[in-house]
Amino acid sequence: MPSTRPRLLYVTDLAYQARGRRYCDEDIHLSSRLREEFDLALCHPRDAAALLDAFDAVVVRNSGPVQGYEAAHEAFRERATERGTRVYNQLTGRADMVGKRYLLDLTAAGFPVIPTVDRAEDLHRLPDAEEYVVKPRRGADSAGLRIVPAGRVPEVLAGAGDLLVQPRVDFAYEVSFYFVDHDYQYALHAPHPDRRWQLEPYDATVADLDFARRFIEWNGVDHGIQRVDACRAPGGELLLVELEDLNPYLSLDALDEPARDAFVAALRTALRRLLAT
């Protein structure tokens, strides 16, 4: 008899090379666990628009920076929106899903974020620093990121458009908080600032989770995995580095088996909830 299990199209680029991480291993593991409950097929992001009609929902996972397949990504978004496809993560994210503009908006709104501007005439709004981080507004995975001496920042901004500028923060460590829909799952931190992807479990405090949830609530993504990346500033406070709401790498290999199982269970529940809408 034909299968009555829900059909998922799992979008990933198994060949994508990420610094310090093996995206393909994570997706091989996660897709194998989802197959226990769903009929599932993997596809490259360039093929997603052409294939989505045959599935009940689309799960976008480690598909790499959108800059590598921008036209295909826009075609997928248009096709999925046009036919009302269930997409996980849902396509209404206001953060990395649509570029880094949100860092400017959050700065202007007074959120606890690394201060960010995009114009030379606004540089006076940033704290004084010896060096600044300059990165593309549509960047991802540190692509195009540069460290620029203070005196050269106006020149760099004048020479290229669509850039963001932030003071280089001498932080103690970076920490990431992982959510499935609006439910907190786990936190990982990099105790050594020069080794961003050597992650260890982190015991989040109530104040830490209040910080992270503020951005989850701001984004309003009801169906999706989100990663709130923050740094511990010299004054002890957390500042947002980025809110990844498109295809956040999960670092599942840094978790023990019970924690990985709990995450998979939460994701299955979230997908069942999406399919019921």
C-alpha atoms as a PDB file:
ATOM      1  CA  MET A   1       0.000   0.000   0.000  1.00  0.00           C
ATOM      2  CA  PRO A   2       1.220   3.561  -0.622  1.00  0.00           C
ATOM      3  CA  SER A   3       2.873   5.351   2.292  1.00  0.00           C
ATOM      4  CA  THR A   4       0.711   7.690   4.352  1.00  0.00           C
ATOM      5  CA  ARG A   5       3.638   9.234   6.169  1.00  0.00           C
ATOM      6  CA  PRO A   6       4.270  12.970   5.614  1.00  0.00           C
ATOM      7  CA  ARG A   7       6.754  13.741   2.851  1.00  0.00           C
ATOM      8  CA  LEU A   8       9.598  16.162   3.601  1.00  0.00           C
ATOM      9  CA  LEU A   9      11.966  17.792   1.128  1.00  0.00           C
ATOM     10  CA  TYR A  10      15.211  18.348   3.046  1.00  0.00           C
ATOM     11  CA  VAL A  11      17.293  21.129   1.457  1.00  0.00           C
ATOM     12  CA  THR A  12      21.050  20.926   2.045  1.00  0.00           C
ATOM     13  CA  ASP A  13      24.359  21.323   0.257  1.00  0.00           C
ATOM     14  CA  LEU A  14      26.353  18.306   1.371  1.00  0.00           C
ATOM     15  CA  ALA A  15      29.420  19.546  -0.535  1.00  0.00           C
ATOM     16  CA  TYR A  16      29.591  22.956   1.156  1.00  0.00           C
ATOM     17  CA  GLN A  17      32.964  23.540   2.825  1.00  0.00           C
ATOM     18  CA  ALA A  18      32.692  25.457   6.095  1.00  0.00           C
ATOM     19  CA  ARG A  19      35.650  26.541   8.169  1.00  0.00           C
ATOM     20  CA  GLY A  20      35.990  24.407  11.277  1.00  0.00           C
ATOM     21  CA  ARG A  21      32.752  22.479  10.720  1.00  0.00           C
ATOM     22  CA  ARG A  22      31.454  19.576   8.617  1.00  0.00           C
ATOM     23  CA  TYR A  23      27.948  20.620   7.665  1.00  0.00           C
ATOM     24  CA  CYS A  24      27.363  17.392   5.757  1.00  0.00           C
ATOM     25  CA  ASP A  25      27.861  15.204   8.848  1.00  0.00           C
ATOM     26  CA  GLU A  26      25.203  17.116  10.740  1.00  0.00           C
ATOM     27  CA  ASP A  27      22.652  16.800   7.939  1.00  0.00           C
ATOM     28  CA  ILE A  28      23.393  13.125   7.327  1.00  0.00           C
ATOM     29  CA  HIS A  29      22.713  12.459  11.009  1.00  0.00           C
ATOM     30  CA  LEU A  30      19.658  14.683  11.341  1.00  0.00           C
ATOM     31  CA  SER A  31      17.985  13.538   8.124  1.00  0.00           C
ATOM     32  CA  SER A  32      18.509   9.900   9.117  1.00  0.00           C
ATOM     33  CA  ARG A  33      16.724  10.538  12.409  1.00  0.00           C
ATOM     34  CA  LEU A  34      13.836  12.336  10.714  1.00  0.00           C
ATOM     35  CA  ARG A  35      13.412   9.393   8.310  1.00  0.00           C
ATOM     36  CA  GLU A  36      12.258   7.333  11.282  1.00  0.00           C
ATOM     37  CA  GLU A  37       8.994   9.289  11.166  1.00  0.00           C
ATOM     38  CA  PHE A  38       8.785  10.984   7.760  1.00  0.00           C
ATOM     39  CA  ASP A  39       9.346  10.044   4.120  1.00  0.00           C
ATOM     40  CA  LEU A  40      12.286  12.272   3.259  1.00  0.00           C
ATOM     41  CA  ALA A  41      14.378  13.237   0.233  1.00  0.00           C
ATOM     42  CA  LEU A  42      17.479  15.410   0.155  1.00  0.00           C
ATOM     43  CA  CYS A  43      18.073  18.053  -2.520  1.00  0.00           C
ATOM     44  CA  HIS A  44      20.492  20.867  -3.283  1.00  0.00           C
ATOM     45  CA  PRO A  45      19.123  24.422  -2.799  1.00  0.00           C
ATOM     46  CA  ARG A  46      19.376  25.003  -6.552  1.00  0.00           C
ATOM     47  CA  ASP A  47      16.789  22.243  -7.089  1.00  0.00           C
ATOM     48  CA  ALA A  48      14.308  23.104  -4.335  1.00  0.00           C
ATOM     49  CA  ALA A  49      11.927  25.289  -6.379  1.00  0.00           C
ATOM     50  CA  ALA A  50      11.482  22.586  -9.021  1.00  0.00           C
ATOM     51  CA  LEU A  51      10.832  19.788  -6.530  1.00  0.00           C
ATOM     52  CA  LEU A  52       8.743  21.286  -3.737  1.00  0.00           C
ATOM     53  CA  ASP A  53       5.341  20.480  -5.282  1.00  0.00           C
ATOM     54  CA  ALA A  54       5.811  16.757  -4.547  1.00  0.00           C
ATOM     55  CA  PHE A  55       6.193  17.231  -0.778  1.00  0.00           C
ATOM     56  CA  ASP A  56       4.072  18.178   2.212  1.00  0.00           C
ATOM     57  CA  ALA A  57       6.723  20.490   3.651  1.00  0.00           C
ATOM     58  CA  VAL A  58      10.250  21.737   2.972  1.00  0.00           C
ATOM     59  CA  VAL A  59      12.978  21.738   5.632  1.00  0.00           C
ATOM     60  CA  VAL A  60      15.850  24.140   4.894  1.00  0.00           C
ATOM     61  CA  ARG A  61      18.994  23.100   6.719  1.00  0.00           C
ATOM     62  CA  ASN A  62      22.744  23.470   6.046  1.00  0.00           C
ATOM     63  CA  SER A  63      22.376  24.891   2.557  1.00  0.00           C
ATOM     64  CA  GLY A  64      25.338  27.301   2.725  1.00  0.00           C
ATOM     65  CA  PRO A  65      25.409  31.090   2.236  1.00  0.00           C
ATOM     66  CA  VAL A  66      22.681  32.310  -0.115  1.00  0.00           C
ATOM     67  CA  GLN A  67      25.207  34.378  -2.113  1.00  0.00           C
ATOM     68  CA  GLY A  68      26.285  31.141  -3.810  1.00  0.00           C
ATOM     69  CA  TYR A  69      22.834  30.507  -5.322  1.00  0.00           C
ATOM     70  CA  GLU A  70      20.937  33.767  -4.898  1.00  0.00           C
ATOM     71  CA  ALA A  71      18.740  33.484  -8.012  1.00  0.00           C
ATOM     72  CA  ALA A  72      17.726  29.918  -7.124  1.00  0.00           C
ATOM     73  CA  HIS A  73      16.950  30.963  -3.552  1.00  0.00           C
ATOM     74  CA  GLU A  74      14.704  33.810  -4.699  1.00  0.00           C
ATOM     75  CA  ALA A  75      12.929  31.440  -7.110  1.00  0.00           C
ATOM     76  CA  PHE A  76      12.354  29.017  -4.248  1.00  0.00           C
ATOM     77  CA  ARG A  77      10.974  31.745  -1.973  1.00  0.00           C
ATOM     78  CA  GLU A  78       8.645  33.031  -4.692  1.00  0.00           C
ATOM     79  CA  ARG A  79       7.409  29.552  -5.615  1.00  0.00           C
ATOM     80  CA  ALA A  80       6.882  28.485  -2.004  1.00  0.00           C
ATOM     81  CA  THR A  81       5.056  31.721  -1.131  1.00  0.00           C
ATOM     82  CA  GLU A  82       2.897  31.526  -4.258  1.00  0.00           C
ATOM     83  CA  ARG A  83       1.650  28.009  -3.532  1.00  0.00           C
ATOM     84  CA  GLY A  84       1.526  28.326   0.264  1.00  0.00           C
ATOM     85  CA  THR A  85       4.176  25.660   0.875  1.00  0.00           C
ATOM     86  CA  ARG A  86       4.955  24.833   4.486  1.00  0.00           C
ATOM     87  CA  VAL A  87       8.617  25.803   4.904  1.00  0.00           C
ATOM     88  CA  TYR A  88      10.772  25.185   7.955  1.00  0.00           C
ATOM     89  CA  ASN A  89      12.112  27.749   8.723  1.00  0.00           C
ATOM     90  CA  GLN A  90       9.100  29.816   7.722  1.00  0.00           C
ATOM     91  CA  LEU A  91      10.032  32.520   5.244  1.00  0.00           C
ATOM     92  CA  THR A  92       8.983  35.559   7.299  1.00  0.00           C
ATOM     93  CA  GLY A  93      12.178  35.913   9.353  1.00  0.00           C
ATOM     94  CA  ARG A  94      13.414  39.480   9.887  1.00  0.00           C
ATOM     95  CA  ALA A  95      17.028  38.640  10.744  1.00  0.00           C
ATOM     96  CA  ASP A  96      19.770  36.864   8.727  1.00  0.00           C
ATOM     97  CA  MET A  97      17.108  35.494   6.392  1.00  0.00           C
ATOM     98  CA  VAL A  98      16.952  38.907   4.725  1.00  0.00           C
ATOM     99  CA  GLY A  99      20.519  40.117   5.351  1.00  0.00           C
ATOM    100  CA  LYS A 100      22.133  42.106   8.163  1.00  0.00           C
ATOM    101  CA  ARG A 101      19.911  45.199   8.008  1.00  0.00           C
ATOM    102  CA  TYR A 102      18.318  44.121  11.286  1.00  0.00           C
ATOM    103  CA  LEU A 103      21.554  44.980  13.154  1.00  0.00           C
ATOM    104  CA  LEU A 104      20.973  48.622  12.215  1.00  0.00           C
ATOM    105  CA  ASP A 105      17.327  48.426  13.245  1.00  0.00           C
ATOM    106  CA  LEU A 106      18.113  46.785  16.581  1.00  0.00           C
ATOM    107  CA  THR A 107      20.863  49.329  17.286  1.00  0.00           C
ATOM    108  CA  ALA A 108      18.442  52.193  16.613  1.00  0.00           C
ATOM    109  CA  ALA A 109      15.807  50.559  18.847  1.00  0.00           C
ATOM    110  CA  GLY A 110      18.208  50.257  21.791  1.00  0.00           C
ATOM    111  CA  PHE A 111      18.499  46.464  21.867  1.00  0.00           C
ATOM    112  CA  PRO A 112      21.610  44.898  23.458  1.00  0.00           C
ATOM    113  CA  VAL A 113      23.477  44.418  20.195  1.00  0.00           C
ATOM    114  CA  ILE A 114      27.001  45.314  19.063  1.00  0.00           C
ATOM    115  CA  PRO A 115      26.458  48.902  17.828  1.00  0.00           C
ATOM    116  CA  THR A 116      26.188  48.971  14.050  1.00  0.00           C
ATOM    117  CA  VAL A 117      26.092  51.708  11.373  1.00  0.00           C
ATOM    118  CA  ASP A 118      26.331  51.694   7.581  1.00  0.00           C
ATOM    119  CA  ARG A 119      27.308  55.279   6.710  1.00  0.00           C
ATOM    120  CA  ALA A 120      30.491  57.277   7.268  1.00  0.00           C
ATOM    121  CA  GLU A 121      28.464  60.186   8.644  1.00  0.00           C
ATOM    122  CA  ASP A 122      27.123  57.913  11.398  1.00  0.00           C
ATOM    123  CA  LEU A 123      30.501  56.654  12.631  1.00  0.00           C
ATOM    124  CA  HIS A 124      30.360  59.113  15.553  1.00  0.00           C
ATOM    125  CA  ARG A 125      27.499  57.021  16.960  1.00  0.00           C
ATOM    126  CA  LEU A 126      29.844  54.080  17.560  1.00  0.00           C
ATOM    127  CA  PRO A 127      32.077  53.732  20.618  1.00  0.00           C
ATOM    128  CA  ASP A 128      35.699  54.690  20.027  1.00  0.00           C
ATOM    129  CA  ALA A 129      37.863  51.703  19.121  1.00  0.00           C
ATOM    130  CA  GLU A 130      41.282  51.081  17.619  1.00  0.00           C
ATOM    131  CA  GLU A 131      39.807  48.672  15.080  1.00  0.00           C
ATOM    132  CA  TYR A 132      36.412  48.117  13.521  1.00  0.00           C
ATOM    133  CA  VAL A 133      34.702  45.144  11.925  1.00  0.00           C
ATOM    134  CA  VAL A 134      33.480  45.822   8.388  1.00  0.00           C
ATOM    135  CA  LYS A 135      31.233  43.223   6.742  1.00  0.00           C
ATOM    136  CA  PRO A 136      28.778  42.963   3.830  1.00  0.00           C
ATOM    137  CA  ARG A 137      25.137  43.545   4.614  1.00  0.00           C
ATOM    138  CA  ARG A 138      24.306  40.331   2.730  1.00  0.00           C
ATOM    139  CA  GLY A 139      27.244  38.409   4.177  1.00  0.00           C
ATOM    140  CA  ALA A 140      27.212  35.041   5.930  1.00  0.00           C
ATOM    141  CA  ASP A 141      29.706  32.646   7.476  1.00  0.00           C
ATOM    142  CA  SER A 142      32.232  35.536   7.838  1.00  0.00           C
ATOM    143  CA  ALA A 143      32.454  35.929   4.044  1.00  0.00           C
ATOM    144  CA  GLY A 144      33.908  39.349   3.232  1.00  0.00           C
ATOM    145  CA  LEU A 145      34.472  40.294   6.879  1.00  0.00           C
ATOM    146  CA  ARG A 146      37.482  42.561   7.477  1.00  0.00           C
ATOM    147  CA  ILE A 147      39.188  44.117  10.487  1.00  0.00           C
ATOM    148  CA  VAL A 148      39.967  47.756   9.639  1.00  0.00           C
ATOM    149  CA  PRO A 149      42.022  50.322  11.618  1.00  0.00           C
ATOM    150  CA  ALA A 150      39.934  53.242  12.852  1.00  0.00           C
ATOM    151  CA  GLY A 151      41.547  55.768  10.525  1.00  0.00           C
ATOM    152  CA  ARG A 152      40.724  53.759   7.405  1.00  0.00           C
ATOM    153  CA  VAL A 153      37.034  53.104   8.041  1.00  0.00           C
ATOM    154  CA  PRO A 154      35.692  56.207   6.184  1.00  0.00           C
ATOM    155  CA  GLU A 155      37.855  55.312   3.179  1.00  0.00           C
ATOM    156  CA  VAL A 156      36.589  51.717   3.145  1.00  0.00           C
ATOM    157  CA  LEU A 157      32.968  52.845   3.361  1.00  0.00           C
ATOM    158  CA  ALA A 158      33.471  55.310   0.515  1.00  0.00           C
ATOM    159  CA  GLY A 159      35.056  52.656  -1.687  1.00  0.00           C
ATOM    160  CA  ALA A 160      32.300  50.044  -1.481  1.00  0.00           C
ATOM    161  CA  GLY A 161      28.585  50.099  -0.859  1.00  0.00           C
ATOM    162  CA  ASP A 162      26.285  47.948   1.245  1.00  0.00           C
ATOM    163  CA  LEU A 163      28.679  47.508   4.185  1.00  0.00           C
ATOM    164  CA  LEU A 164      28.119  47.481   7.933  1.00  0.00           C
ATOM    165  CA  VAL A 165      30.574  48.757  10.540  1.00  0.00           C
ATOM    166  CA  GLN A 166      30.892  47.727  14.184  1.00  0.00           C
ATOM    167  CA  PRO A 167      33.533  48.387  16.844  1.00  0.00           C
ATOM    168  CA  ARG A 168      35.779  45.383  17.401  1.00  0.00           C
ATOM    169  CA  VAL A 169      34.732  44.140  20.845  1.00  0.00           C
ATOM    170  CA  ASP A 170      37.351  42.610  23.158  1.00  0.00           C
ATOM    171  CA  PHE A 171      34.915  39.951  24.371  1.00  0.00           C
ATOM    172  CA  ALA A 172      35.558  37.178  26.896  1.00  0.00           C
ATOM    173  CA  TYR A 173      33.805  34.466  24.861  1.00  0.00           C
ATOM    174  CA  GLU A 174      30.998  33.829  22.387  1.00  0.00           C
ATOM    175  CA  VAL A 175      27.883  31.877  23.293  1.00  0.00           C
ATOM    176  CA  SER A 176      24.996  30.571  21.190  1.00  0.00           C
ATOM    177  CA  PHE A 177      21.436  29.783  22.286  1.00  0.00           C
ATOM    178  CA  TYR A 178      19.407  27.344  20.182  1.00  0.00           C
ATOM    179  CA  PHE A 179      15.618  27.412  19.870  1.00  0.00           C
ATOM    180  CA  VAL A 180      13.090  25.165  18.119  1.00  0.00           C
ATOM    181  CA  ASP A 181      10.091  27.352  17.366  1.00  0.00           C
ATOM    182  CA  HIS A 182      10.016  29.454  20.564  1.00  0.00           C
ATOM    183  CA  ASP A 183      11.284  26.684  22.835  1.00  0.00           C
ATOM    184  CA  TYR A 184      14.832  26.869  24.197  1.00  0.00           C
ATOM    185  CA  GLN A 185      16.862  23.703  23.605  1.00  0.00           C
ATOM    186  CA  TYR A 186      20.510  24.144  24.628  1.00  0.00           C
ATOM    187  CA  ALA A 187      23.443  26.580  24.679  1.00  0.00           C
ATOM    188  CA  LEU A 188      27.062  26.202  23.585  1.00  0.00           C
ATOM    189  CA  HIS A 189      29.989  28.526  24.077  1.00  0.00           C
ATOM    190  CA  ALA A 190      33.510  28.978  22.737  1.00  0.00           C
ATOM    191  CA  PRO A 191      35.643  29.587  25.856  1.00  0.00           C
ATOM    192  CA  HIS A 192      38.631  30.577  23.678  1.00  0.00           C
ATOM    193  CA  PRO A 193      37.861  33.626  21.472  1.00  0.00           C
ATOM    194  CA  ASP A 194      40.399  32.570  18.850  1.00  0.00           C
ATOM    195  CA  ARG A 195      38.720  29.162  18.416  1.00  0.00           C
ATOM    196  CA  ARG A 196      35.130  30.033  17.501  1.00  0.00           C
ATOM    197  CA  TRP A 197      33.998  26.504  16.623  1.00  0.00           C
ATOM    198  CA  GLN A 198      35.573  24.595  19.516  1.00  0.00           C
ATOM    199  CA  LEU A 199      32.328  24.576  21.426  1.00  0.00           C
ATOM    200  CA  GLU A 200      31.406  23.281  24.854  1.00  0.00           C
ATOM    201  CA  PRO A 201      28.039  23.012  26.636  1.00  0.00           C
ATOM    202  CA  TYR A 202      27.046  26.167  28.481  1.00  0.00           C
ATOM    203  CA  ASP A 203      24.747  26.440  31.502  1.00  0.00           C
ATOM    204  CA  ALA A 204      22.530  29.378  30.601  1.00  0.00           C
ATOM    205  CA  THR A 205      21.323  31.568  33.451  1.00  0.00           C
ATOM    206  CA  VAL A 206      17.850  33.053  33.735  1.00  0.00           C
ATOM    207  CA  ALA A 207      19.309  36.408  32.648  1.00  0.00           C
ATOM    208  CA  ASP A 208      21.005  34.776  29.642  1.00  0.00           C
ATOM    209  CA  LEU A 209      17.735  33.224  28.477  1.00  0.00           C
ATOM    210  CA  ASP A 210      15.826  36.457  29.001  1.00  0.00           C
ATOM    211  CA  PHE A 211      18.400  38.102  26.720  1.00  0.00           C
ATOM    212  CA  ALA A 212      18.066  35.418  24.030  1.00  0.00           C
ATOM    213  CA  ARG A 213      14.271  35.226  24.169  1.00  0.00           C
ATOM    214  CA  ARG A 214      14.013  38.964  23.593  1.00  0.00           C
ATOM    215  CA  PHE A 215      15.375  38.456  20.071  1.00  0.00           C
ATOM    216  CA  ILE A 216      13.300  35.336  19.419  1.00  0.00           C
ATOM    217  CA  GLU A 217      10.161  37.279  20.315  1.00  0.00           C
ATOM    218  CA  TRP A 218      11.246  40.241  18.182  1.00  0.00           C
ATOM    219  CA  ASN A 219      11.698  38.029  15.142  1.00  0.00           C
ATOM    220  CA  GLY A 220       8.270  36.403  15.361  1.00  0.00           C
ATOM    221  CA  VAL A 221       9.211  33.125  13.638  1.00  0.00           C
ATOM    222  CA  ASP A 222       6.654  30.567  14.843  1.00  0.00           C
ATOM    223  CA  HIS A 223       8.010  27.600  12.850  1.00  0.00           C
ATOM    224  CA  GLY A 224      11.769  27.258  12.672  1.00  0.00           C
ATOM    225  CA  ILE A 225      15.149  26.703  14.314  1.00  0.00           C
ATOM    226  CA  GLN A 226      16.909  29.876  15.426  1.00  0.00           C
ATOM    227  CA  ARG A 227      20.374  30.460  16.861  1.00  0.00           C
ATOM    228  CA  VAL A 228      21.055  33.555  18.936  1.00  0.00           C
ATOM    229  CA  ASP A 229      24.797  34.318  18.825  1.00  0.00           C
ATOM    230  CA  ALA A 230      26.151  36.658  21.486  1.00  0.00           C
ATOM    231  CA  CYS A 231      29.429  37.760  23.030  1.00  0.00           C
ATOM    232  CA  ARG A 232      30.254  38.486  26.672  1.00  0.00           C
ATOM    233  CA  ALA A 233      31.408  42.112  26.568  1.00  0.00           C
ATOM    234  CA  PRO A 234      34.123  43.551  28.856  1.00  0.00           C
ATOM    235  CA  GLY A 235      31.451  44.959  31.163  1.00  0.00           C
ATOM    236  CA  GLY A 236      29.934  41.493  31.673  1.00  0.00           C
ATOM    237  CA  GLU A 237      26.813  42.062  29.588  1.00  0.00           C
ATOM    238  CA  LEU A 238      25.777  39.993  26.591  1.00  0.00           C
ATOM    239  CA  LEU A 239      25.611  41.676  23.180  1.00  0.00           C
ATOM    240  CA  LEU A 240      23.997  40.170  20.103  1.00  0.00           C
ATOM    241  CA  VAL A 241      26.413  39.197  17.336  1.00  0.00           C
ATOM    242  CA  GLU A 242      23.793  37.765  14.976  1.00  0.00           C
ATOM    243  CA  LEU A 243      20.386  36.130  14.900  1.00  0.00           C
ATOM    244  CA  GLU A 244      20.553  33.193  12.484  1.00  0.00           C
ATOM    245  CA  ASP A 245      17.041  32.365  11.271  1.00  0.00           C
ATOM    246  CA  LEU A 246      17.668  30.912   7.809  1.00  0.00           C
ATOM    247  CA  ASN A 247      19.822  27.787   8.097  1.00  0.00           C
ATOM    248  CA  PRO A 248      21.664  27.852  11.445  1.00  0.00           C
ATOM    249  CA  TYR A 249      24.377  25.266  11.949  1.00  0.00           C
ATOM    250  CA  LEU A 250      23.479  23.380  15.133  1.00  0.00           C
ATOM    251  CA  SER A 251      26.832  21.947  16.316  1.00  0.00           C
ATOM    252  CA  LEU A 252      25.054  18.745  17.311  1.00  0.00           C
ATOM    253  CA  ASP A 253      28.422  16.998  17.548  1.00  0.00           C
ATOM    254  CA  ALA A 254      29.175  19.121  20.633  1.00  0.00           C
ATOM    255  CA  LEU A 255      26.209  17.586  22.490  1.00  0.00           C
ATOM    256  CA  ASP A 256      26.036  14.291  24.337  1.00  0.00           C
ATOM    257  CA  GLU A 257      23.640  11.638  23.078  1.00  0.00           C
ATOM    258  CA  PRO A 258      20.716  12.458  25.424  1.00  0.00           C
ATOM    259  CA  ALA A 259      20.881  16.134  24.411  1.00  0.00           C
ATOM    260  CA  ARG A 260      20.951  15.225  20.695  1.00  0.00           C
ATOM    261  CA  ASP A 261      17.986  12.898  21.183  1.00  0.00           C
ATOM    262  CA  ALA A 262      16.075  15.645  22.985  1.00  0.00           C
ATOM    263  CA  PHE A 263      16.733  18.051  20.125  1.00  0.00           C
ATOM    264  CA  VAL A 264      15.568  15.532  17.518  1.00  0.00           C
ATOM    265  CA  ALA A 265      12.395  14.893  19.539  1.00  0.00           C
ATOM    266  CA  ALA A 266      11.709  18.637  19.735  1.00  0.00           C
ATOM    267  CA  LEU A 267      12.241  19.034  15.991  1.00  0.00           C
ATOM    268  CA  ARG A 268       9.916  16.135  15.176  1.00  0.00           C
ATOM    269  CA  THR A 269       7.234  17.684  17.379  1.00  0.00           C
ATOM    270  CA  ALA A 270       7.713  21.053  15.678  1.00  0.00           C
ATOM    271  CA  LEU A 271       7.428  19.497  12.211  1.00  0.00           C
ATOM    272  CA  ARG A 272       4.252  17.650  13.175  1.00  0.00           C
ATOM    273  CA  ARG A 273       2.892  20.995  14.419  1.00  0.00           C
ATOM    274  CA  LEU A 274       3.800  22.657  11.112  1.00  0.00           C
ATOM    275  CA  LEU A 275       2.193  19.869   9.079  1.00  0.00           C
ATOM    276  CA  ALA A 276      -1.018  20.260  11.070  1.00  0.00           C
ATOM    277  CA  THR A 277      -1.401  23.911  10.054  1.00  0.00           C
END
